[in-house]
Amino acid sequence: MRAMPIRVLIVDDHPEFRAVARELLEEAGYVVSGEAAGAVEAIAAAAAQAPDVVLLDVVLPDGNGFDVAAHLSRDPSGPAVVMVSSREAEDYGRRVAGCGAAGFVSKSRLSAATLASVLA
């Protein structure tokens, strides 16, 4: 029996990054269920689309990705959250683990393989 493809919601305020992330993930067999450019839009999209994974930027124009991750991770059946940033994980210390995210990927290292390793 073949596994269902993993559905991903991409949240980032830069359309160029969302386009690159979409292309990388779809080429690897992920299904991008949608995109959001801000915190409020991300929470609404996650509720409406029920993705398996939310690829979530740390810095958003209307909020903080850590707060969005904490909100999404309150639901035990909610999506896995993977934080992304142009900065490195070390720059955020324990905030990634503390917000309930499954992990962190630097935008420069985003690939289907790095996402899979975080989710494993």
N, C-alpha and C. Protein backbone atom coordinates (compact mmCIF):
# COMPACT_ATOMS: atom_id res chain seq x y z
N MET A 1 0.84 -1.18 0.00
CA MET A 1 0.00 0.00 0.00
C MET A 1 0.89 1.25 0.00
N ARG A 2 0.60 2.16 -0.89
CA ARG A 2 1.41 3.37 -1.02
C ARG A 2 0.96 4.42 -0.02
N ALA A 3 1.93 5.08 0.60
CA ALA A 3 1.63 6.11 1.59
C ALA A 3 1.08 7.35 0.88
N MET A 4 0.22 8.04 1.58
CA MET A 4 -0.32 9.30 1.06
C MET A 4 0.79 10.35 1.06
N PRO A 5 0.79 11.24 0.07
CA PRO A 5 1.80 12.30 0.06
C PRO A 5 1.61 13.24 1.26
N ILE A 6 2.70 13.79 1.72
CA ILE A 6 2.66 14.73 2.84
C ILE A 6 2.24 16.09 2.32
N ARG A 7 1.22 16.66 2.99
CA ARG A 7 0.68 17.97 2.61
C ARG A 7 1.36 19.06 3.43
N VAL A 8 1.88 20.09 2.75
CA VAL A 8 2.65 21.14 3.40
C VAL A 8 2.02 22.51 3.15
N LEU A 9 1.91 23.29 4.21
CA LEU A 9 1.53 24.70 4.12
C LEU A 9 2.81 25.51 4.27
N ILE A 10 3.11 26.38 3.32
CA ILE A 10 4.31 27.21 3.36
C ILE A 10 3.93 28.60 3.85
N VAL A 11 4.58 29.05 4.93
CA VAL A 11 4.28 30.36 5.50
C VAL A 11 5.55 31.21 5.50
N ASP A 12 5.54 32.25 4.68
CA ASP A 12 6.68 33.16 4.58
C ASP A 12 6.19 34.43 3.91
N ASP A 13 6.70 35.57 4.32
CA ASP A 13 6.25 36.83 3.74
C ASP A 13 6.94 37.17 2.42
N HIS A 14 7.88 36.37 2.00
CA HIS A 14 8.57 36.60 0.72
C HIS A 14 8.04 35.63 -0.35
N PRO A 15 7.34 36.16 -1.36
CA PRO A 15 6.79 35.29 -2.40
C PRO A 15 7.86 34.48 -3.13
N GLU A 16 9.06 35.06 -3.26
CA GLU A 16 10.14 34.34 -3.95
C GLU A 16 10.52 33.08 -3.18
N PHE A 17 10.63 33.19 -1.86
CA PHE A 17 10.97 32.01 -1.07
C PHE A 17 9.85 30.98 -1.15
N ARG A 18 8.60 31.42 -1.07
CA ARG A 18 7.49 30.47 -1.16
C ARG A 18 7.52 29.72 -2.49
N ALA A 19 7.84 30.42 -3.57
CA ALA A 19 7.90 29.78 -4.90
C ALA A 19 9.02 28.75 -4.97
N VAL A 20 10.19 29.10 -4.45
CA VAL A 20 11.32 28.16 -4.45
C VAL A 20 11.01 26.94 -3.58
N ALA A 21 10.47 27.19 -2.39
CA ALA A 21 10.14 26.08 -1.49
C ALA A 21 9.09 25.17 -2.12
N ARG A 22 8.08 25.76 -2.73
CA ARG A 22 7.03 24.97 -3.40
C ARG A 22 7.66 24.06 -4.47
N GLU A 23 8.51 24.64 -5.31
CA GLU A 23 9.13 23.87 -6.38
C GLU A 23 9.98 22.72 -5.83
N LEU A 24 10.82 23.01 -4.83
CA LEU A 24 11.66 21.97 -4.22
C LEU A 24 10.83 20.83 -3.66
N LEU A 25 9.79 21.18 -2.93
CA LEU A 25 8.98 20.16 -2.26
C LEU A 25 8.12 19.38 -3.23
N GLU A 26 7.50 20.06 -4.18
CA GLU A 26 6.65 19.34 -5.14
C GLU A 26 7.47 18.41 -6.02
N GLU A 27 8.69 18.81 -6.39
CA GLU A 27 9.54 17.92 -7.19
C GLU A 27 9.86 16.64 -6.44
N ALA A 28 9.86 16.71 -5.10
CA ALA A 28 10.18 15.54 -4.28
C ALA A 28 8.93 14.75 -3.88
N GLY A 29 7.76 15.15 -4.34
CA GLY A 29 6.55 14.38 -4.07
C GLY A 29 5.68 14.91 -2.95
N TYR A 30 6.10 16.00 -2.30
CA TYR A 30 5.23 16.63 -1.31
C TYR A 30 4.09 17.34 -2.05
N VAL A 31 2.97 17.52 -1.38
CA VAL A 31 1.87 18.29 -1.92
C VAL A 31 1.79 19.59 -1.15
N VAL A 32 1.95 20.71 -1.83
CA VAL A 32 1.83 22.00 -1.17
C VAL A 32 0.35 22.35 -1.17
N SER A 33 -0.25 22.31 0.03
CA SER A 33 -1.69 22.54 0.15
C SER A 33 -2.04 24.01 0.10
N GLY A 34 -1.06 24.87 0.35
CA GLY A 34 -1.32 26.30 0.30
C GLY A 34 -0.13 27.10 0.77
N GLU A 35 -0.33 28.41 0.73
CA GLU A 35 0.70 29.34 1.15
C GLU A 35 0.05 30.44 1.98
N ALA A 36 0.84 31.03 2.86
CA ALA A 36 0.38 32.17 3.65
C ALA A 36 1.56 33.13 3.82
N ALA A 37 1.24 34.43 3.92
CA ALA A 37 2.29 35.43 4.02
C ALA A 37 2.43 36.02 5.42
N GLY A 38 1.54 35.66 6.33
CA GLY A 38 1.58 36.23 7.67
C GLY A 38 1.04 35.30 8.73
N ALA A 39 1.12 35.74 9.97
CA ALA A 39 0.72 34.91 11.11
C ALA A 39 -0.77 34.62 11.12
N VAL A 40 -1.59 35.66 10.98
CA VAL A 40 -3.04 35.47 11.01
C VAL A 40 -3.49 34.57 9.86
N GLU A 41 -2.94 34.83 8.68
CA GLU A 41 -3.27 34.02 7.50
C GLU A 41 -2.81 32.57 7.69
N ALA A 42 -1.68 32.38 8.34
CA ALA A 42 -1.15 31.03 8.58
C ALA A 42 -2.08 30.22 9.47
N ILE A 43 -2.55 30.82 10.54
CA ILE A 43 -3.44 30.12 11.47
C ILE A 43 -4.75 29.76 10.77
N ALA A 44 -5.30 30.70 10.00
CA ALA A 44 -6.53 30.43 9.27
C ALA A 44 -6.33 29.34 8.22
N ALA A 45 -5.22 29.40 7.49
CA ALA A 45 -4.95 28.40 6.45
C ALA A 45 -4.73 27.02 7.04
N ALA A 46 -4.04 26.96 8.17
CA ALA A 46 -3.82 25.66 8.82
C ALA A 46 -5.14 25.06 9.27
N ALA A 47 -6.04 25.88 9.79
CA ALA A 47 -7.35 25.38 10.23
C ALA A 47 -8.18 24.92 9.04
N ALA A 48 -8.15 25.66 7.94
CA ALA A 48 -8.96 25.34 6.77
C ALA A 48 -8.42 24.16 5.97
N GLN A 49 -7.10 24.05 5.88
CA GLN A 49 -6.49 23.05 4.99
C GLN A 49 -6.04 21.78 5.69
N ALA A 50 -5.88 21.83 7.00
CA ALA A 50 -5.40 20.68 7.78
C ALA A 50 -4.16 20.02 7.15
N PRO A 51 -3.08 20.79 6.94
CA PRO A 51 -1.87 20.20 6.37
C PRO A 51 -1.20 19.26 7.38
N ASP A 52 -0.33 18.41 6.87
CA ASP A 52 0.45 17.53 7.74
C ASP A 52 1.62 18.29 8.36
N VAL A 53 2.14 19.27 7.59
CA VAL A 53 3.33 20.02 7.99
C VAL A 53 3.10 21.49 7.67
N VAL A 54 3.57 22.36 8.56
CA VAL A 54 3.61 23.79 8.29
C VAL A 54 5.08 24.20 8.29
N LEU A 55 5.54 24.68 7.15
CA LEU A 55 6.89 25.23 7.02
C LEU A 55 6.74 26.71 7.33
N LEU A 56 7.27 27.14 8.48
CA LEU A 56 6.90 28.42 9.08
C LEU A 56 8.10 29.33 9.31
N ASP A 57 8.08 30.49 8.67
CA ASP A 57 9.15 31.47 8.86
C ASP A 57 9.10 32.04 10.27
N VAL A 58 10.24 32.33 10.83
CA VAL A 58 10.32 32.89 12.18
C VAL A 58 9.78 34.32 12.21
N VAL A 59 10.15 35.13 11.22
CA VAL A 59 9.77 36.54 11.21
C VAL A 59 8.66 36.76 10.19
N LEU A 60 7.51 37.22 10.68
CA LEU A 60 6.37 37.50 9.82
C LEU A 60 5.94 38.95 10.04
N PRO A 61 5.32 39.57 9.05
CA PRO A 61 4.99 40.99 9.17
C PRO A 61 3.97 41.31 10.25
N ASP A 62 3.11 40.37 10.58
CA ASP A 62 2.06 40.63 11.55
C ASP A 62 2.18 39.77 12.80
N GLY A 63 3.35 39.23 13.04
CA GLY A 63 3.51 38.39 14.22
C GLY A 63 4.82 37.65 14.21
N ASN A 64 4.88 36.71 15.09
CA ASN A 64 6.10 35.98 15.37
C ASN A 64 5.84 34.51 15.08
N GLY A 65 6.71 33.90 14.28
CA GLY A 65 6.53 32.50 13.95
C GLY A 65 6.51 31.58 15.16
N PHE A 66 7.25 31.94 16.21
CA PHE A 66 7.26 31.12 17.42
C PHE A 66 5.88 31.09 18.07
N ASP A 67 5.19 32.24 18.07
CA ASP A 67 3.84 32.30 18.62
C ASP A 67 2.86 31.48 17.78
N VAL A 68 3.01 31.56 16.47
CA VAL A 68 2.16 30.76 15.57
C VAL A 68 2.40 29.28 15.81
N ALA A 69 3.67 28.89 15.92
CA ALA A 69 4.00 27.48 16.17
C ALA A 69 3.40 27.00 17.49
N ALA A 70 3.49 27.82 18.53
CA ALA A 70 2.92 27.45 19.83
C ALA A 70 1.41 27.27 19.71
N HIS A 71 0.76 28.15 18.96
CA HIS A 71 -0.69 28.04 18.75
C HIS A 71 -1.04 26.74 18.03
N LEU A 72 -0.32 26.46 16.94
CA LEU A 72 -0.61 25.27 16.14
C LEU A 72 -0.30 23.98 16.90
N SER A 73 0.72 24.00 17.75
CA SER A 73 1.12 22.77 18.44
C SER A 73 0.26 22.47 19.66
N ARG A 74 -0.66 23.35 20.01
CA ARG A 74 -1.59 23.06 21.12
C ARG A 74 -2.50 21.89 20.81
N ASP A 75 -2.79 21.70 19.53
CA ASP A 75 -3.67 20.61 19.10
C ASP A 75 -2.81 19.38 18.83
N PRO A 76 -2.95 18.33 19.65
CA PRO A 76 -2.11 17.14 19.46
C PRO A 76 -2.28 16.49 18.09
N SER A 77 -3.41 16.71 17.43
CA SER A 77 -3.61 16.14 16.10
C SER A 77 -3.29 17.16 15.01
N GLY A 78 -2.73 18.30 15.40
CA GLY A 78 -2.39 19.35 14.45
C GLY A 78 -1.14 19.01 13.65
N PRO A 79 -0.77 19.93 12.78
CA PRO A 79 0.38 19.68 11.90
C PRO A 79 1.71 19.74 12.64
N ALA A 80 2.69 19.06 12.08
CA ALA A 80 4.06 19.23 12.55
C ALA A 80 4.52 20.58 12.04
N VAL A 81 5.22 21.33 12.87
CA VAL A 81 5.69 22.65 12.47
C VAL A 81 7.21 22.60 12.34
N VAL A 82 7.70 23.07 11.20
CA VAL A 82 9.14 23.17 10.97
C VAL A 82 9.44 24.65 10.74
N MET A 83 10.24 25.21 11.61
CA MET A 83 10.61 26.62 11.52
C MET A 83 11.68 26.80 10.45
N VAL A 84 11.61 27.93 9.74
CA VAL A 84 12.64 28.28 8.77
C VAL A 84 13.04 29.74 8.99
N SER A 85 14.28 30.04 8.64
CA SER A 85 14.78 31.40 8.76
C SER A 85 16.02 31.53 7.91
N SER A 86 16.34 32.77 7.54
CA SER A 86 17.60 33.00 6.86
C SER A 86 18.76 32.94 7.85
N ARG A 87 18.45 32.97 9.12
CA ARG A 87 19.47 32.84 10.17
C ARG A 87 19.64 31.36 10.52
N GLU A 88 20.58 31.06 11.39
CA GLU A 88 20.85 29.69 11.81
C GLU A 88 20.09 29.36 13.09
N ALA A 89 19.87 28.09 13.35
CA ALA A 89 19.13 27.64 14.53
C ALA A 89 19.76 28.15 15.82
N GLU A 90 21.09 28.19 15.85
CA GLU A 90 21.79 28.63 17.07
C GLU A 90 21.41 30.06 17.45
N ASP A 91 21.02 30.86 16.48
CA ASP A 91 20.64 32.25 16.74
C ASP A 91 19.38 32.35 17.59
N TYR A 92 18.60 31.28 17.63
CA TYR A 92 17.34 31.30 18.36
C TYR A 92 17.38 30.51 19.67
N GLY A 93 18.49 29.89 19.95
CA GLY A 93 18.62 29.15 21.21
C GLY A 93 17.54 28.10 21.37
N ARG A 94 16.93 28.10 22.53
CA ARG A 94 15.91 27.09 22.86
C ARG A 94 14.52 27.44 22.38
N ARG A 95 14.37 28.59 21.72
CA ARG A 95 13.04 29.02 21.30
C ARG A 95 12.39 28.05 20.33
N VAL A 96 13.17 27.40 19.48
CA VAL A 96 12.59 26.46 18.52
C VAL A 96 11.93 25.30 19.26
N ALA A 97 12.65 24.67 20.16
CA ALA A 97 12.09 23.56 20.92
C ALA A 97 10.97 24.03 21.84
N GLY A 98 11.12 25.21 22.40
CA GLY A 98 10.15 25.72 23.35
C GLY A 98 8.80 26.08 22.76
N CYS A 99 8.74 26.29 21.45
CA CYS A 99 7.48 26.68 20.82
C CYS A 99 6.67 25.48 20.33
N GLY A 100 7.21 24.29 20.49
CA GLY A 100 6.49 23.09 20.05
C GLY A 100 6.80 22.66 18.64
N ALA A 101 7.73 23.34 17.98
CA ALA A 101 8.09 22.96 16.61
C ALA A 101 8.84 21.63 16.59
N ALA A 102 8.70 20.91 15.49
CA ALA A 102 9.42 19.65 15.32
C ALA A 102 10.89 19.89 15.08
N GLY A 103 11.22 21.08 14.57
CA GLY A 103 12.62 21.38 14.30
C GLY A 103 12.77 22.65 13.50
N PHE A 104 13.97 22.82 12.97
CA PHE A 104 14.35 24.05 12.28
C PHE A 104 15.20 23.69 11.07
N VAL A 105 14.99 24.45 9.98
CA VAL A 105 15.82 24.33 8.79
C VAL A 105 16.17 25.75 8.33
N SER A 106 17.44 25.99 8.12
CA SER A 106 17.87 27.26 7.56
C SER A 106 17.37 27.33 6.11
N LYS A 107 16.90 28.49 5.68
CA LYS A 107 16.39 28.61 4.32
C LYS A 107 17.42 28.21 3.28
N SER A 108 18.68 28.49 3.54
CA SER A 108 19.73 28.15 2.58
C SER A 108 19.95 26.64 2.47
N ARG A 109 19.47 25.89 3.44
CA ARG A 109 19.65 24.43 3.44
C ARG A 109 18.35 23.67 3.18
N LEU A 110 17.28 24.38 2.85
CA LEU A 110 16.00 23.72 2.63
C LEU A 110 16.07 22.79 1.44
N SER A 111 15.67 21.57 1.66
CA SER A 111 15.52 20.57 0.61
C SER A 111 14.50 19.56 1.11
N ALA A 112 14.06 18.72 0.24
CA ALA A 112 13.14 17.65 0.65
C ALA A 112 13.82 16.74 1.67
N ALA A 113 15.11 16.49 1.47
CA ALA A 113 15.85 15.60 2.39
C ALA A 113 15.97 16.23 3.78
N THR A 114 16.27 17.53 3.86
CA THR A 114 16.41 18.14 5.18
C THR A 114 15.05 18.20 5.86
N LEU A 115 13.99 18.46 5.12
CA LEU A 115 12.66 18.46 5.73
C LEU A 115 12.31 17.07 6.23
N ALA A 116 12.59 16.05 5.44
CA ALA A 116 12.31 14.67 5.87
C ALA A 116 13.09 14.31 7.12
N SER A 117 14.34 14.75 7.21
CA SER A 117 15.14 14.42 8.39
C SER A 117 14.61 15.09 9.65
N VAL A 118 14.10 16.30 9.52
CA VAL A 118 13.50 16.98 10.67
C VAL A 118 12.22 16.27 11.11
N LEU A 119 11.45 15.81 10.15
CA LEU A 119 10.17 15.16 10.45
C LEU A 119 10.32 13.72 10.95
N ALA A 120 11.49 13.12 10.70
CA ALA A 120 11.70 11.71 11.08
C ALA A 120 11.77 11.54 12.58
